[in-house]
């Protein structure tokens, strides 16, 4: 399982430490592939970032794009969706775009679009939140008590 993400964190900082904590718990481990931010006008940035992302995708990977217009769901439903995606393809790739969002070419290539909600989040935190939710989904599917379904 891979996460393709625009923006380079350089492997340091609290966000990357937290991402690494969850990424290694995920089975198979979630690997991170970072790409430099595009330069130029907004359309040019999106096109360049799309080129990098699409060139990195393997033909047999099922792409899940994080996008503001994607499906918003709760954790149990995401677990079910993750199981469905994994039945469809053993190779999953999640994609986080840059500040300008994802180009239409990336969205067209995606087999699914996922939203973490209507709020705007820093891209480095989105990596952490996505990794935690993938881990949580796997724990739900395994029947592990990590996820608490009810309120206290």
Protein backbone atom coordinates (compact mmCIF):
# COMPACT_ATOMS: atom_id res chain seq x y z
CA UNK A 1 0.00 0.00 0.00
CA UNK A 2 1.39 3.39 -0.96
CA UNK A 3 0.67 7.03 -0.26
CA UNK A 4 1.66 9.40 -3.06
CA UNK A 5 1.82 12.94 -1.70
CA UNK A 6 2.77 16.33 -3.04
CA UNK A 7 5.14 18.21 -0.75
CA UNK A 8 8.36 17.06 0.83
CA UNK A 9 8.58 16.91 4.59
CA UNK A 10 12.19 15.81 4.56
CA UNK A 11 11.45 12.94 6.92
CA UNK A 12 11.56 15.11 10.02
CA UNK A 13 9.18 16.85 12.35
CA UNK A 14 6.33 15.77 14.62
CA UNK A 15 3.92 15.18 11.76
CA UNK A 16 6.31 12.76 10.07
CA UNK A 17 7.00 10.96 13.35
CA UNK A 18 3.29 10.47 13.89
CA UNK A 19 2.78 9.38 10.27
CA UNK A 20 5.60 6.83 10.62
CA UNK A 21 4.06 5.47 13.83
CA UNK A 22 0.79 4.63 12.07
CA UNK A 23 2.30 3.69 8.71
CA UNK A 24 4.35 0.87 10.22
CA UNK A 25 1.29 -0.52 12.07
CA UNK A 26 -0.59 -0.91 8.78
CA UNK A 27 -0.26 -4.33 7.14
CA UNK A 28 1.25 -4.26 4.62
CA UNK A 29 3.10 -1.14 5.75
CA UNK A 30 2.03 2.13 4.15
CA UNK A 31 4.95 3.53 2.19
CA UNK A 32 5.22 7.22 1.45
CA UNK A 33 6.33 8.62 -1.90
CA UNK A 34 6.80 12.39 -1.81
CA UNK A 35 6.91 14.76 -4.77
CA UNK A 36 8.07 18.35 -4.99
CA UNK A 37 5.45 21.06 -5.16
CA UNK A 38 4.80 22.26 -8.70
CA UNK A 39 5.83 25.73 -9.81
CA UNK A 40 4.15 28.28 -12.07
CA UNK A 41 0.56 29.40 -12.38
CA UNK A 42 -2.16 27.40 -10.60
CA UNK A 43 -3.08 25.37 -13.72
CA UNK A 44 0.59 24.73 -14.47
CA UNK A 45 1.23 23.62 -10.87
CA UNK A 46 -1.66 21.15 -11.02
CA UNK A 47 -0.52 19.81 -14.40
CA UNK A 48 3.07 19.30 -13.26
CA UNK A 49 2.01 17.65 -10.02
CA UNK A 50 -0.41 15.43 -11.96
CA UNK A 51 2.37 14.37 -14.32
CA UNK A 52 4.53 13.35 -11.37
CA UNK A 53 1.73 11.48 -9.62
CA UNK A 54 0.46 9.68 -12.72
CA UNK A 55 3.98 8.69 -13.79
CA UNK A 56 4.56 7.15 -10.35
CA UNK A 57 1.39 5.07 -10.42
CA UNK A 58 1.71 1.45 -11.40
CA UNK A 59 -0.81 0.18 -13.96
CA UNK A 60 -2.22 -2.39 -11.51
CA UNK A 61 -2.65 0.03 -8.60
CA UNK A 62 -6.12 1.06 -7.53
CA UNK A 63 -5.97 4.80 -6.88
CA UNK A 64 -7.91 6.46 -4.08
CA UNK A 65 -7.66 10.24 -4.43
CA UNK A 66 -8.17 12.48 -1.43
CA UNK A 67 -10.37 15.25 -2.75
CA UNK A 68 -12.78 17.76 -1.22
CA UNK A 69 -15.54 16.44 -3.49
CA UNK A 70 -14.87 12.83 -2.51
CA UNK A 71 -17.03 10.62 -0.34
CA UNK A 72 -17.18 11.56 3.33
CA UNK A 73 -17.71 8.57 5.57
CA UNK A 74 -17.37 7.29 9.12
CA UNK A 75 -14.68 4.86 10.23
CA UNK A 76 -16.75 1.62 10.07
CA UNK A 77 -17.92 2.49 6.54
CA UNK A 78 -14.33 3.30 5.55
CA UNK A 79 -13.28 -0.11 6.87
CA UNK A 80 -15.89 -1.75 4.67
CA UNK A 81 -14.79 0.33 1.70
CA UNK A 82 -11.12 -0.55 2.34
CA UNK A 83 -12.04 -4.24 2.29
CA UNK A 84 -13.87 -3.71 -1.03
CA UNK A 85 -10.92 -1.87 -2.54
CA UNK A 86 -8.56 -4.62 -1.43
CA UNK A 87 -10.82 -7.25 -3.01
CA UNK A 88 -10.68 -5.26 -6.24
CA UNK A 89 -6.93 -4.84 -6.18
CA UNK A 90 -4.19 -6.07 -3.88
CA UNK A 91 -2.24 -2.89 -4.69
CA UNK A 92 -3.77 0.29 -3.30
CA UNK A 93 -2.38 3.78 -3.77
CA UNK A 94 -3.75 6.81 -1.95
CA UNK A 95 -3.00 10.25 -3.35
CA UNK A 96 -2.82 13.67 -1.67
CA UNK A 97 -2.45 16.65 -3.96
CA UNK A 98 -0.77 19.97 -3.36
CA UNK A 99 -2.15 23.33 -2.31
CA UNK A 100 -3.97 23.75 -5.63
CA UNK A 101 -5.68 20.37 -5.34
CA UNK A 102 -5.58 17.47 -7.75
CA UNK A 103 -5.68 17.90 -11.50
CA UNK A 104 -8.66 16.46 -13.37
CA UNK A 105 -6.37 13.86 -14.97
CA UNK A 106 -5.56 12.40 -11.54
CA UNK A 107 -9.22 12.45 -10.51
CA UNK A 108 -10.14 10.72 -13.76
CA UNK A 109 -7.57 7.95 -13.07
CA UNK A 110 -8.87 7.43 -9.52
CA UNK A 111 -11.07 4.45 -8.84
CA UNK A 112 -12.41 6.20 -5.75
CA UNK A 113 -12.39 9.66 -4.22
CA UNK A 114 -12.30 10.16 -0.47
CA UNK A 115 -12.80 13.33 1.57
CA UNK A 116 -11.75 13.87 5.18
CA UNK A 117 -14.48 16.48 5.48
CA UNK A 118 -15.13 20.05 4.43
CA UNK A 119 -12.43 21.62 6.61
CA UNK A 120 -9.10 22.61 5.09
CA UNK A 121 -6.18 20.70 6.61
CA UNK A 122 -2.42 21.14 6.28
CA UNK A 123 -1.14 18.48 3.89
CA UNK A 124 1.29 17.06 6.44
CA UNK A 125 -1.58 16.49 8.89
CA UNK A 126 -3.71 14.86 6.20
CA UNK A 127 -1.01 12.21 5.85
CA UNK A 128 -1.24 11.45 9.57
CA UNK A 129 -5.04 11.44 9.62
CA UNK A 130 -5.23 9.17 6.58
CA UNK A 131 -2.67 6.72 8.00
CA UNK A 132 -4.53 6.60 11.32
CA UNK A 133 -7.85 5.96 9.56
CA UNK A 134 -6.37 3.17 7.44
CA UNK A 135 -4.97 1.59 10.61
CA UNK A 136 -8.32 2.06 12.37
CA UNK A 137 -10.12 0.47 9.41
CA UNK A 138 -7.82 -2.54 9.56
CA UNK A 139 -8.45 -2.88 13.30
CA UNK A 140 -12.21 -2.70 12.74
CA UNK A 141 -11.98 -5.42 10.09
CA UNK A 142 -9.88 -7.56 12.45
CA UNK A 143 -12.39 -7.13 15.30
CA UNK A 144 -9.72 -5.45 17.45
CA UNK A 145 -10.95 -3.13 20.25
CA UNK A 146 -8.82 -0.16 19.03
CA UNK A 147 -11.98 1.44 17.59
CA UNK A 148 -14.64 2.42 20.10
CA UNK A 149 -17.96 2.44 18.30
CA UNK A 150 -20.07 4.01 21.04
CA UNK A 151 -19.82 7.21 22.96
CA UNK A 152 -18.80 7.02 26.62
